[in-house]
Amino acid sequence: MPDAAREGGAGLRRVCVFCGAQPGRDPRHAELAAALGRAIAARGLGLVYGGGKVGLMGIVADAALRAGAEVVGVIPEALMERELGHGGVTTLHVVPSMHVRKQMMNDLSDGFVVLPGGIGTLEESVEIQSWAQLGIHGKGLVYLDVDGYWDPFFALLARMTEAGFVRAEHAGLALRAASPEAALDALAAWRAPALTRWMSGKET
């Protein structure tokens, strides 16, 4: 359901983190996930994430928990049955499908941070940007990396804009940060632009 009334910025209480279910080969990615979990806790915020105990998901959750943050996981039944669910989080919602998972993560969160990850991470974050473009929500979205991991994605956004498929203001719904503190600052300062619809009033 549309959630435009619950925006980020000054109302930032919980941060949703999208990230890989693998730790990745570069140890900097695991270090970044742990640093983000600690930074979320240090600001008195809660963490919402995919509910797993493995990969970057487990690392960010464990770091936030150790630092005293509320951690809410949302995991589909199919993954829970494979014993991938984190048993130590504050709350773990077990839901029937990936679609329900993404909607609940949006509903529970006031902003989004994207760590390195794979196809699932990209799919989740792009859908959130699409929802922002359509005006379904007014929450900030920040891609966080220390090594240019997301450079190809932003190059693709620029290409889409150049080709006339994405408006510049919609491409700008995806922010970037090089540290957890900068990512959380960007979410705290975020205000949704006035124009979020894909078509103007004259376009039918």
N, C-alpha and C. Protein backbone atom coordinates (compact mmCIF):
# COMPACT_ATOMS: atom_id res chain seq x y z
N MET A 1 0.85 -1.20 0.00
CA MET A 1 0.00 0.00 0.00
C MET A 1 0.88 1.24 0.00
N PRO A 2 0.39 2.36 -0.61
CA PRO A 2 1.18 3.59 -0.60
C PRO A 2 1.50 4.03 0.81
N ASP A 3 2.72 4.56 0.96
CA ASP A 3 3.19 4.95 2.29
C ASP A 3 3.81 6.33 2.23
N ALA A 4 3.27 7.20 1.35
CA ALA A 4 3.88 8.50 1.14
C ALA A 4 3.85 9.37 2.37
N ALA A 5 2.89 9.13 3.27
CA ALA A 5 2.76 9.98 4.45
C ALA A 5 3.92 9.78 5.42
N ARG A 6 4.53 8.58 5.39
CA ARG A 6 5.63 8.33 6.32
C ARG A 6 6.94 8.58 5.59
N GLU A 7 7.49 9.75 5.76
CA GLU A 7 8.71 10.12 5.07
C GLU A 7 9.90 10.06 6.01
N GLY A 8 11.09 10.09 5.42
CA GLY A 8 12.31 10.06 6.20
C GLY A 8 12.64 11.43 6.76
N GLY A 9 13.93 11.81 6.69
CA GLY A 9 14.32 13.12 7.18
C GLY A 9 14.19 13.22 8.68
N ALA A 10 13.48 14.26 9.14
CA ALA A 10 13.37 14.51 10.58
C ALA A 10 12.68 13.38 11.31
N GLY A 11 11.90 12.55 10.58
CA GLY A 11 11.20 11.45 11.20
C GLY A 11 11.98 10.15 11.17
N LEU A 12 13.28 10.22 10.95
CA LEU A 12 14.09 9.01 10.82
C LEU A 12 14.16 8.26 12.16
N ARG A 13 13.61 7.07 12.17
CA ARG A 13 13.61 6.22 13.36
C ARG A 13 14.23 4.86 13.09
N ARG A 14 13.87 4.29 11.96
CA ARG A 14 14.42 3.00 11.55
C ARG A 14 15.01 3.11 10.15
N VAL A 15 16.14 2.47 9.97
CA VAL A 15 16.83 2.46 8.68
C VAL A 15 16.80 1.04 8.13
N CYS A 16 16.32 0.89 6.92
CA CYS A 16 16.35 -0.40 6.24
C CYS A 16 17.67 -0.53 5.48
N VAL A 17 18.32 -1.66 5.64
CA VAL A 17 19.58 -1.92 4.94
C VAL A 17 19.40 -3.10 3.99
N PHE A 18 19.69 -2.86 2.72
CA PHE A 18 19.74 -3.91 1.72
C PHE A 18 21.20 -4.29 1.52
N CYS A 19 21.49 -5.59 1.53
CA CYS A 19 22.89 -6.02 1.37
C CYS A 19 22.94 -7.49 1.03
N GLY A 20 24.14 -7.97 0.72
CA GLY A 20 24.32 -9.32 0.25
C GLY A 20 24.15 -10.38 1.32
N ALA A 21 23.68 -11.55 0.89
CA ALA A 21 23.62 -12.72 1.76
C ALA A 21 24.94 -13.48 1.73
N GLN A 22 25.92 -12.93 1.03
CA GLN A 22 27.29 -13.43 1.04
C GLN A 22 28.18 -12.33 1.62
N PRO A 23 29.32 -12.69 2.20
CA PRO A 23 30.21 -11.66 2.74
C PRO A 23 31.02 -10.94 1.67
N GLY A 24 31.12 -11.54 0.47
CA GLY A 24 31.93 -10.95 -0.57
C GLY A 24 33.41 -11.29 -0.38
N ARG A 25 34.19 -11.07 -1.42
CA ARG A 25 35.62 -11.40 -1.37
C ARG A 25 36.45 -10.28 -0.75
N ASP A 26 35.97 -9.05 -0.83
CA ASP A 26 36.73 -7.91 -0.33
C ASP A 26 36.39 -7.70 1.15
N PRO A 27 37.35 -7.83 2.04
CA PRO A 27 37.05 -7.66 3.48
C PRO A 27 36.53 -6.27 3.83
N ARG A 28 36.77 -5.29 2.97
CA ARG A 28 36.26 -3.95 3.24
C ARG A 28 34.73 -3.93 3.27
N HIS A 29 34.10 -4.81 2.52
CA HIS A 29 32.64 -4.83 2.50
C HIS A 29 32.08 -5.31 3.84
N ALA A 30 32.69 -6.33 4.41
CA ALA A 30 32.27 -6.80 5.73
C ALA A 30 32.53 -5.74 6.79
N GLU A 31 33.67 -5.07 6.70
CA GLU A 31 33.99 -4.01 7.65
C GLU A 31 32.99 -2.87 7.54
N LEU A 32 32.59 -2.55 6.32
CA LEU A 32 31.62 -1.48 6.11
C LEU A 32 30.26 -1.85 6.70
N ALA A 33 29.85 -3.10 6.52
CA ALA A 33 28.57 -3.55 7.07
C ALA A 33 28.57 -3.44 8.59
N ALA A 34 29.66 -3.86 9.22
CA ALA A 34 29.75 -3.77 10.68
C ALA A 34 29.74 -2.31 11.14
N ALA A 35 30.46 -1.46 10.42
CA ALA A 35 30.50 -0.04 10.78
C ALA A 35 29.13 0.59 10.65
N LEU A 36 28.36 0.19 9.63
CA LEU A 36 27.02 0.73 9.47
C LEU A 36 26.11 0.29 10.62
N GLY A 37 26.20 -0.97 11.01
CA GLY A 37 25.39 -1.43 12.13
C GLY A 37 25.69 -0.64 13.39
N ARG A 38 26.98 -0.40 13.65
CA ARG A 38 27.36 0.38 14.84
C ARG A 38 26.87 1.82 14.73
N ALA A 39 26.97 2.41 13.54
CA ALA A 39 26.56 3.81 13.35
C ALA A 39 25.06 3.98 13.56
N ILE A 40 24.29 3.01 13.08
CA ILE A 40 22.83 3.05 13.29
C ILE A 40 22.52 3.05 14.79
N ALA A 41 23.18 2.16 15.51
CA ALA A 41 22.96 2.08 16.96
C ALA A 41 23.40 3.35 17.66
N ALA A 42 24.53 3.92 17.24
CA ALA A 42 25.07 5.11 17.89
C ALA A 42 24.12 6.29 17.80
N ARG A 43 23.28 6.31 16.77
CA ARG A 43 22.33 7.42 16.61
C ARG A 43 20.98 7.10 17.23
N GLY A 44 20.87 5.98 17.91
CA GLY A 44 19.61 5.62 18.54
C GLY A 44 18.56 5.18 17.56
N LEU A 45 18.98 4.71 16.39
CA LEU A 45 18.05 4.27 15.37
C LEU A 45 17.88 2.76 15.42
N GLY A 46 16.81 2.28 14.80
CA GLY A 46 16.60 0.85 14.65
C GLY A 46 17.01 0.40 13.26
N LEU A 47 17.33 -0.88 13.14
CA LEU A 47 17.70 -1.49 11.87
C LEU A 47 16.60 -2.42 11.40
N VAL A 48 16.23 -2.27 10.14
CA VAL A 48 15.33 -3.22 9.47
C VAL A 48 16.15 -3.85 8.35
N TYR A 49 16.08 -5.17 8.24
CA TYR A 49 16.88 -5.83 7.19
C TYR A 49 16.22 -7.16 6.84
N GLY A 50 16.86 -7.94 5.99
CA GLY A 50 16.25 -9.13 5.43
C GLY A 50 16.15 -10.34 6.33
N GLY A 51 16.58 -10.23 7.58
CA GLY A 51 16.35 -11.28 8.55
C GLY A 51 17.33 -12.43 8.57
N GLY A 52 18.35 -12.39 7.69
CA GLY A 52 19.28 -13.50 7.62
C GLY A 52 20.40 -13.41 8.64
N LYS A 53 21.05 -14.57 8.86
CA LYS A 53 22.18 -14.62 9.79
C LYS A 53 23.51 -14.77 9.06
N VAL A 54 23.46 -14.79 7.72
CA VAL A 54 24.65 -15.04 6.93
C VAL A 54 25.04 -13.80 6.12
N GLY A 55 26.29 -13.80 5.63
CA GLY A 55 26.77 -12.75 4.74
C GLY A 55 26.77 -11.38 5.39
N LEU A 56 26.69 -10.35 4.54
CA LEU A 56 26.66 -8.98 5.06
C LEU A 56 25.42 -8.73 5.90
N MET A 57 24.33 -9.45 5.59
CA MET A 57 23.12 -9.30 6.40
C MET A 57 23.39 -9.65 7.85
N GLY A 58 24.01 -10.80 8.08
CA GLY A 58 24.32 -11.20 9.45
C GLY A 58 25.30 -10.27 10.12
N ILE A 59 26.26 -9.77 9.35
CA ILE A 59 27.28 -8.89 9.92
C ILE A 59 26.67 -7.57 10.39
N VAL A 60 25.84 -6.94 9.55
CA VAL A 60 25.25 -5.65 9.94
C VAL A 60 24.30 -5.84 11.12
N ALA A 61 23.55 -6.95 11.12
CA ALA A 61 22.61 -7.19 12.22
C ALA A 61 23.36 -7.44 13.53
N ASP A 62 24.39 -8.27 13.48
CA ASP A 62 25.14 -8.58 14.70
C ASP A 62 25.81 -7.33 15.27
N ALA A 63 26.36 -6.49 14.40
CA ALA A 63 27.01 -5.28 14.87
C ALA A 63 26.02 -4.33 15.52
N ALA A 64 24.85 -4.19 14.90
CA ALA A 64 23.82 -3.32 15.48
C ALA A 64 23.33 -3.86 16.81
N LEU A 65 23.14 -5.17 16.90
CA LEU A 65 22.68 -5.78 18.15
C LEU A 65 23.70 -5.59 19.27
N ARG A 66 24.98 -5.82 18.96
CA ARG A 66 26.02 -5.67 19.98
C ARG A 66 26.11 -4.25 20.48
N ALA A 67 25.76 -3.29 19.61
CA ALA A 67 25.83 -1.88 19.99
C ALA A 67 24.54 -1.39 20.63
N GLY A 68 23.56 -2.28 20.78
CA GLY A 68 22.35 -1.93 21.51
C GLY A 68 21.17 -1.48 20.70
N ALA A 69 21.19 -1.66 19.38
CA ALA A 69 20.09 -1.20 18.54
C ALA A 69 18.95 -2.22 18.49
N GLU A 70 17.76 -1.73 18.27
CA GLU A 70 16.65 -2.60 17.90
C GLU A 70 16.92 -3.12 16.49
N VAL A 71 16.76 -4.42 16.27
CA VAL A 71 16.98 -5.02 14.96
C VAL A 71 15.74 -5.83 14.58
N VAL A 72 15.13 -5.46 13.47
CA VAL A 72 13.92 -6.12 12.98
C VAL A 72 14.25 -6.81 11.67
N GLY A 73 14.06 -8.11 11.64
CA GLY A 73 14.28 -8.87 10.43
C GLY A 73 12.97 -9.26 9.77
N VAL A 74 13.00 -9.33 8.43
CA VAL A 74 11.82 -9.76 7.67
C VAL A 74 12.29 -10.81 6.67
N ILE A 75 11.85 -12.04 6.85
CA ILE A 75 12.37 -13.14 6.04
C ILE A 75 11.22 -13.99 5.49
N PRO A 76 11.30 -14.39 4.23
CA PRO A 76 10.26 -15.27 3.67
C PRO A 76 10.34 -16.67 4.28
N GLU A 77 9.20 -17.36 4.30
CA GLU A 77 9.12 -18.70 4.87
C GLU A 77 10.12 -19.65 4.21
N ALA A 78 10.28 -19.53 2.90
CA ALA A 78 11.16 -20.46 2.17
C ALA A 78 12.60 -20.36 2.66
N LEU A 79 13.04 -19.14 2.98
CA LEU A 79 14.40 -18.98 3.48
C LEU A 79 14.50 -19.38 4.94
N MET A 80 13.45 -19.15 5.69
CA MET A 80 13.45 -19.56 7.09
C MET A 80 13.56 -21.08 7.20
N GLU A 81 12.91 -21.78 6.27
CA GLU A 81 12.94 -23.24 6.27
C GLU A 81 14.34 -23.78 5.99
N ARG A 82 15.17 -22.98 5.34
CA ARG A 82 16.55 -23.38 5.08
C ARG A 82 17.47 -23.01 6.25
N GLU A 83 16.88 -22.60 7.37
CA GLU A 83 17.61 -22.26 8.59
C GLU A 83 18.55 -21.08 8.39
N LEU A 84 18.11 -20.11 7.59
CA LEU A 84 18.92 -18.92 7.36
C LEU A 84 18.48 -17.75 8.22
N GLY A 85 17.38 -17.90 8.95
CA GLY A 85 16.87 -16.81 9.78
C GLY A 85 17.75 -16.56 10.99
N HIS A 86 17.86 -15.30 11.37
CA HIS A 86 18.66 -14.89 12.53
C HIS A 86 17.82 -15.05 13.79
N GLY A 87 18.27 -15.91 14.70
CA GLY A 87 17.49 -16.18 15.91
C GLY A 87 17.68 -15.18 17.03
N GLY A 88 18.61 -14.22 16.86
CA GLY A 88 18.91 -13.32 17.96
C GLY A 88 18.44 -11.90 17.80
N VAL A 89 17.66 -11.62 16.75
CA VAL A 89 17.22 -10.24 16.53
C VAL A 89 16.08 -9.89 17.48
N THR A 90 15.80 -8.59 17.58
CA THR A 90 14.73 -8.13 18.46
C THR A 90 13.39 -8.69 18.04
N THR A 91 13.10 -8.59 16.75
CA THR A 91 11.85 -9.11 16.18
C THR A 91 12.17 -9.73 14.83
N LEU A 92 11.64 -10.91 14.57
CA LEU A 92 11.81 -11.55 13.27
C LEU A 92 10.42 -11.86 12.70
N HIS A 93 10.09 -11.18 11.61
CA HIS A 93 8.82 -11.42 10.92
C HIS A 93 9.06 -12.47 9.84
N VAL A 94 8.32 -13.56 9.89
CA VAL A 94 8.38 -14.59 8.86
C VAL A 94 7.15 -14.41 7.97
N VAL A 95 7.39 -14.11 6.70
CA VAL A 95 6.30 -13.72 5.79
C VAL A 95 6.20 -14.74 4.65
N PRO A 96 5.07 -14.75 3.94
CA PRO A 96 4.85 -15.80 2.94
C PRO A 96 5.62 -15.65 1.63
N SER A 97 6.09 -14.46 1.30
CA SER A 97 6.71 -14.29 -0.02
C SER A 97 7.70 -13.13 -0.02
N MET A 98 8.51 -13.07 -1.08
CA MET A 98 9.44 -11.97 -1.26
C MET A 98 8.70 -10.66 -1.43
N HIS A 99 7.55 -10.70 -2.08
CA HIS A 99 6.79 -9.47 -2.30
C HIS A 99 6.31 -8.89 -0.97
N VAL A 100 5.80 -9.74 -0.11
CA VAL A 100 5.35 -9.28 1.21
C VAL A 100 6.55 -8.78 2.01
N ARG A 101 7.67 -9.45 1.87
CA ARG A 101 8.88 -9.03 2.58
C ARG A 101 9.25 -7.60 2.23
N LYS A 102 9.30 -7.29 0.94
CA LYS A 102 9.72 -5.95 0.51
C LYS A 102 8.73 -4.89 0.97
N GLN A 103 7.43 -5.20 0.90
CA GLN A 103 6.44 -4.23 1.35
C GLN A 103 6.56 -3.97 2.84
N MET A 104 6.76 -5.03 3.62
CA MET A 104 6.88 -4.85 5.07
C MET A 104 8.14 -4.07 5.42
N MET A 105 9.24 -4.36 4.74
CA MET A 105 10.48 -3.63 5.01
C MET A 105 10.29 -2.14 4.74
N ASN A 106 9.56 -1.82 3.68
CA ASN A 106 9.26 -0.42 3.39
C ASN A 106 8.38 0.18 4.48
N ASP A 107 7.35 -0.55 4.86
CA ASP A 107 6.40 -0.03 5.86
C ASP A 107 7.07 0.23 7.21
N LEU A 108 8.06 -0.59 7.55
CA LEU A 108 8.71 -0.48 8.86
C LEU A 108 9.84 0.54 8.90
N SER A 109 10.21 1.08 7.75
CA SER A 109 11.43 1.89 7.65
C SER A 109 11.12 3.34 7.29
N ASP A 110 12.11 4.20 7.60
CA ASP A 110 12.00 5.63 7.28
C ASP A 110 13.08 6.08 6.29
N GLY A 111 13.91 5.16 5.86
CA GLY A 111 14.97 5.45 4.90
C GLY A 111 15.72 4.18 4.60
N PHE A 112 16.53 4.19 3.52
CA PHE A 112 17.17 2.99 3.03
C PHE A 112 18.65 3.23 2.75
N VAL A 113 19.48 2.26 3.15
CA VAL A 113 20.89 2.27 2.82
C VAL A 113 21.21 0.97 2.09
N VAL A 114 21.94 1.07 0.99
CA VAL A 114 22.28 -0.09 0.18
C VAL A 114 23.77 -0.35 0.28
N LEU A 115 24.13 -1.49 0.83
CA LEU A 115 25.51 -1.95 0.87
C LEU A 115 25.79 -2.80 -0.37
N PRO A 116 27.04 -3.17 -0.62
CA PRO A 116 27.31 -4.09 -1.72
C PRO A 116 26.50 -5.37 -1.58
N GLY A 117 26.14 -5.93 -2.71
CA GLY A 117 25.36 -7.15 -2.73
C GLY A 117 25.18 -7.63 -4.16
N GLY A 118 24.32 -8.60 -4.34
CA GLY A 118 24.11 -9.20 -5.65
C GLY A 118 22.79 -8.79 -6.28
N ILE A 119 22.24 -9.70 -7.06
CA ILE A 119 21.03 -9.39 -7.83
C ILE A 119 19.86 -9.05 -6.90
N GLY A 120 19.71 -9.78 -5.80
CA GLY A 120 18.62 -9.50 -4.89
C GLY A 120 18.72 -8.12 -4.27
N THR A 121 19.93 -7.74 -3.90
CA THR A 121 20.15 -6.40 -3.33
C THR A 121 19.81 -5.32 -4.34
N LEU A 122 20.27 -5.52 -5.58
CA LEU A 122 19.99 -4.55 -6.64
C LEU A 122 18.50 -4.46 -6.91
N GLU A 123 17.84 -5.60 -6.97
CA GLU A 123 16.40 -5.63 -7.25
C GLU A 123 15.62 -4.90 -6.17
N GLU A 124 15.96 -5.14 -4.91
CA GLU A 124 15.26 -4.48 -3.81
C GLU A 124 15.44 -2.97 -3.86
N SER A 125 16.66 -2.53 -4.08
CA SER A 125 16.94 -1.09 -4.05
C SER A 125 16.34 -0.37 -5.26
N VAL A 126 16.38 -1.01 -6.43
CA VAL A 126 15.81 -0.38 -7.61
C VAL A 126 14.29 -0.28 -7.48
N GLU A 127 13.66 -1.28 -6.89
CA GLU A 127 12.23 -1.20 -6.69
C GLU A 127 11.87 -0.05 -5.75
N ILE A 128 12.66 0.14 -4.70
CA ILE A 128 12.41 1.25 -3.79
C ILE A 128 12.55 2.59 -4.53
N GLN A 129 13.54 2.69 -5.42
CA GLN A 129 13.69 3.92 -6.20
C GLN A 129 12.50 4.10 -7.14
N SER A 130 12.03 3.02 -7.73
CA SER A 130 10.86 3.09 -8.60
C SER A 130 9.63 3.56 -7.82
N TRP A 131 9.46 3.04 -6.62
CA TRP A 131 8.33 3.48 -5.78
C TRP A 131 8.44 4.96 -5.45
N ALA A 132 9.66 5.44 -5.19
CA ALA A 132 9.85 6.86 -4.91
C ALA A 132 9.49 7.69 -6.13
N GLN A 133 9.90 7.22 -7.31
CA GLN A 133 9.59 7.91 -8.56
C GLN A 133 8.09 8.03 -8.77
N LEU A 134 7.36 7.00 -8.38
CA LEU A 134 5.91 6.98 -8.55
C LEU A 134 5.17 7.70 -7.42
N GLY A 135 5.91 8.17 -6.41
CA GLY A 135 5.28 8.86 -5.30
C GLY A 135 4.66 7.94 -4.27
N ILE A 136 5.02 6.65 -4.28
CA ILE A 136 4.47 5.70 -3.31
C ILE A 136 5.04 5.96 -1.93
N HIS A 137 6.28 6.43 -1.86
CA HIS A 137 6.86 6.83 -0.58
C HIS A 137 7.75 8.05 -0.82
N GLY A 138 8.14 8.70 0.27
CA GLY A 138 9.00 9.87 0.18
C GLY A 138 10.26 9.73 1.00
N LYS A 139 10.82 8.52 1.02
CA LYS A 139 11.96 8.21 1.88
C LYS A 139 13.27 8.23 1.09
N GLY A 140 14.35 8.54 1.80
CA GLY A 140 15.65 8.61 1.17
C GLY A 140 16.25 7.24 0.87
N LEU A 141 17.10 7.19 -0.15
CA LEU A 141 17.77 5.96 -0.59
C LEU A 141 19.23 6.29 -0.85
N VAL A 142 20.13 5.65 -0.12
CA VAL A 142 21.56 5.96 -0.22
C VAL A 142 22.35 4.69 -0.50
N TYR A 143 23.15 4.73 -1.56
CA TYR A 143 24.07 3.63 -1.86
C TYR A 143 25.40 3.92 -1.16
N LEU A 144 25.86 2.94 -0.39
CA LEU A 144 27.06 3.12 0.44
C LEU A 144 28.14 2.15 -0.01
N ASP A 145 29.30 2.68 -0.39
CA ASP A 145 30.44 1.83 -0.68
C ASP A 145 31.73 2.62 -0.50
N VAL A 146 32.81 1.90 -0.35
CA VAL A 146 34.12 2.53 -0.12
C VAL A 146 35.08 2.30 -1.28
N ASP A 147 34.63 1.55 -2.28
CA ASP A 147 35.56 1.15 -3.35
C ASP A 147 34.98 1.31 -4.74
N GLY A 148 33.92 2.11 -4.88
CA GLY A 148 33.31 2.30 -6.18
C GLY A 148 32.47 1.13 -6.65
N TYR A 149 32.05 0.28 -5.71
CA TYR A 149 31.27 -0.90 -6.08
C TYR A 149 30.04 -0.53 -6.91
N TRP A 150 29.37 0.55 -6.54
CA TRP A 150 28.14 0.93 -7.23
C TRP A 150 28.36 1.86 -8.41
N ASP A 151 29.60 2.12 -8.79
CA ASP A 151 29.87 2.98 -9.94
C ASP A 151 29.13 2.52 -11.20
N PRO A 152 29.16 1.23 -11.55
CA PRO A 152 28.46 0.81 -12.77
C PRO A 152 26.96 1.09 -12.75
N PHE A 153 26.35 0.97 -11.57
CA PHE A 153 24.92 1.26 -11.49
C PHE A 153 24.65 2.74 -11.76
N PHE A 154 25.46 3.62 -11.18
CA PHE A 154 25.24 5.04 -11.40
C PHE A 154 25.59 5.44 -12.84
N ALA A 155 26.52 4.73 -13.45
CA ALA A 155 26.80 4.97 -14.87
C ALA A 155 25.58 4.57 -15.71
N LEU A 156 24.92 3.48 -15.34
CA LEU A 156 23.72 3.06 -16.05
C LEU A 156 22.60 4.08 -15.87
N LEU A 157 22.42 4.59 -14.65
CA LEU A 157 21.42 5.64 -14.43
C LEU A 157 21.68 6.86 -15.31
N ALA A 158 22.96 7.24 -15.41
CA ALA A 158 23.32 8.38 -16.26
C ALA A 158 23.01 8.09 -17.71
N ARG A 159 23.26 6.86 -18.16
CA ARG A 159 22.96 6.47 -19.53
C ARG A 159 21.46 6.50 -19.79
N MET A 160 20.67 6.00 -18.84
CA MET A 160 19.21 6.04 -18.98
C MET A 160 18.70 7.47 -19.07
N THR A 161 19.30 8.35 -18.27
CA THR A 161 18.91 9.76 -18.29
C THR A 161 19.28 10.40 -19.62
N GLU A 162 20.48 10.13 -20.08
CA GLU A 162 20.95 10.66 -21.36
C GLU A 162 20.07 10.19 -22.51
N ALA A 163 19.59 8.96 -22.42
CA ALA A 163 18.77 8.39 -23.49
C ALA A 163 17.30 8.80 -23.39
N GLY A 164 16.93 9.52 -22.34
CA GLY A 164 15.57 10.02 -22.22
C GLY A 164 14.58 9.07 -21.57
N PHE A 165 15.08 8.02 -20.90
CA PHE A 165 14.19 7.08 -20.23
C PHE A 165 13.99 7.38 -18.75
N VAL A 166 14.88 8.15 -18.18
CA VAL A 166 14.80 8.52 -16.77
C VAL A 166 15.02 10.03 -16.66
N ARG A 167 14.16 10.69 -15.92
CA ARG A 167 14.36 12.12 -15.69
C ARG A 167 15.49 12.33 -14.70
N ALA A 168 16.17 13.45 -14.84
CA ALA A 168 17.31 13.74 -13.96
C ALA A 168 16.88 13.75 -12.50
N GLU A 169 15.70 14.31 -12.22
CA GLU A 169 15.25 14.37 -10.82
C GLU A 169 14.93 12.98 -10.27
N HIS A 170 14.56 12.06 -11.16
CA HIS A 170 14.29 10.70 -10.71
C HIS A 170 15.59 9.92 -10.53
N ALA A 171 16.55 10.15 -11.39
CA ALA A 171 17.87 9.55 -11.19
C ALA A 171 18.46 10.03 -9.86
N GLY A 172 18.18 11.29 -9.53
CA GLY A 172 18.69 11.89 -8.30
C GLY A 172 18.05 11.36 -7.03
N LEU A 173 17.04 10.48 -7.17
CA LEU A 173 16.44 9.86 -5.99
C LEU A 173 17.39 8.85 -5.35
N ALA A 174 18.40 8.42 -6.11
CA ALA A 174 19.43 7.52 -5.57
C ALA A 174 20.65 8.35 -5.18
N LEU A 175 20.95 8.38 -3.89
CA LEU A 175 22.09 9.14 -3.39
C LEU A 175 23.29 8.22 -3.19
N ARG A 176 24.45 8.82 -2.94
CA ARG A 176 25.67 8.04 -2.69
C ARG A 176 26.37 8.56 -1.45
N ALA A 177 27.07 7.65 -0.76
CA ALA A 177 27.87 8.03 0.40
C ALA A 177 29.05 7.09 0.51
N ALA A 178 30.13 7.61 1.09
CA ALA A 178 31.36 6.83 1.23
C ALA A 178 31.63 6.41 2.68
N SER A 179 30.71 6.72 3.59
CA SER A 179 30.87 6.30 4.98
C SER A 179 29.48 6.13 5.59
N PRO A 180 29.36 5.27 6.60
CA PRO A 180 28.05 5.12 7.26
C PRO A 180 27.52 6.44 7.81
N GLU A 181 28.40 7.25 8.40
CA GLU A 181 27.96 8.52 8.96
C GLU A 181 27.39 9.43 7.87
N ALA A 182 28.07 9.48 6.72
CA ALA A 182 27.58 10.31 5.62
C ALA A 182 26.25 9.79 5.10
N ALA A 183 26.09 8.47 5.05
CA ALA A 183 24.83 7.89 4.59
C ALA A 183 23.68 8.26 5.52
N LEU A 184 23.91 8.15 6.82
CA LEU A 184 22.86 8.49 7.78
C LEU A 184 22.58 9.99 7.80
N ASP A 185 23.61 10.79 7.61
CA ASP A 185 23.40 12.24 7.50
C ASP A 185 22.50 12.55 6.30
N ALA A 186 22.76 11.86 5.18
CA ALA A 186 21.97 12.10 3.97
C ALA A 186 20.52 11.71 4.19
N LEU A 187 20.28 10.61 4.88
CA LEU A 187 18.89 10.21 5.16
C LEU A 187 18.22 11.21 6.09
N ALA A 188 18.95 11.69 7.10
CA ALA A 188 18.37 12.63 8.06
C ALA A 188 18.00 13.95 7.39
N ALA A 189 18.77 14.32 6.36
CA ALA A 189 18.53 15.59 5.67
C ALA A 189 17.57 15.46 4.50
N TRP A 190 17.20 14.26 4.15
CA TRP A 190 16.43 14.02 2.93
C TRP A 190 15.04 14.62 2.99
N ARG A 191 14.67 15.30 1.93
CA ARG A 191 13.31 15.76 1.73
C ARG A 191 12.91 15.37 0.32
N ALA A 192 11.79 14.70 0.19
CA ALA A 192 11.37 14.23 -1.12
C ALA A 192 11.09 15.40 -2.05
N PRO A 193 11.52 15.32 -3.32
CA PRO A 193 11.23 16.40 -4.27
C PRO A 193 9.74 16.50 -4.55
N ALA A 194 9.31 17.67 -4.96
CA ALA A 194 7.89 17.89 -5.22
C ALA A 194 7.40 17.03 -6.38
N LEU A 195 8.26 16.85 -7.40
CA LEU A 195 7.87 16.09 -8.58
C LEU A 195 8.37 14.66 -8.44
N THR A 196 7.44 13.73 -8.26
CA THR A 196 7.85 12.33 -8.17
C THR A 196 7.14 11.46 -9.20
N ARG A 197 6.12 11.97 -9.85
CA ARG A 197 5.41 11.16 -10.83
C ARG A 197 6.22 11.04 -12.11
N TRP A 198 6.08 9.89 -12.77
CA TRP A 198 6.82 9.66 -14.01
C TRP A 198 6.31 10.56 -15.13
N MET A 199 4.97 10.76 -15.21
CA MET A 199 4.38 11.59 -16.25
C MET A 199 3.90 12.90 -15.66
N SER A 200 3.99 13.97 -16.44
CA SER A 200 3.43 15.25 -16.02
C SER A 200 1.94 15.24 -16.27
N GLY A 201 1.26 16.28 -15.81
CA GLY A 201 -0.16 16.36 -15.99
C GLY A 201 -0.59 16.43 -17.44
N LYS A 202 0.31 16.87 -18.35
CA LYS A 202 -0.03 16.98 -19.76
C LYS A 202 0.22 15.68 -20.53
N GLU A 203 0.87 14.72 -19.87
CA GLU A 203 1.21 13.48 -20.54
C GLU A 203 0.20 12.40 -20.16
N THR A 204 -0.44 11.79 -21.14
CA THR A 204 -1.44 10.76 -20.87
C THR A 204 -1.14 9.53 -21.70
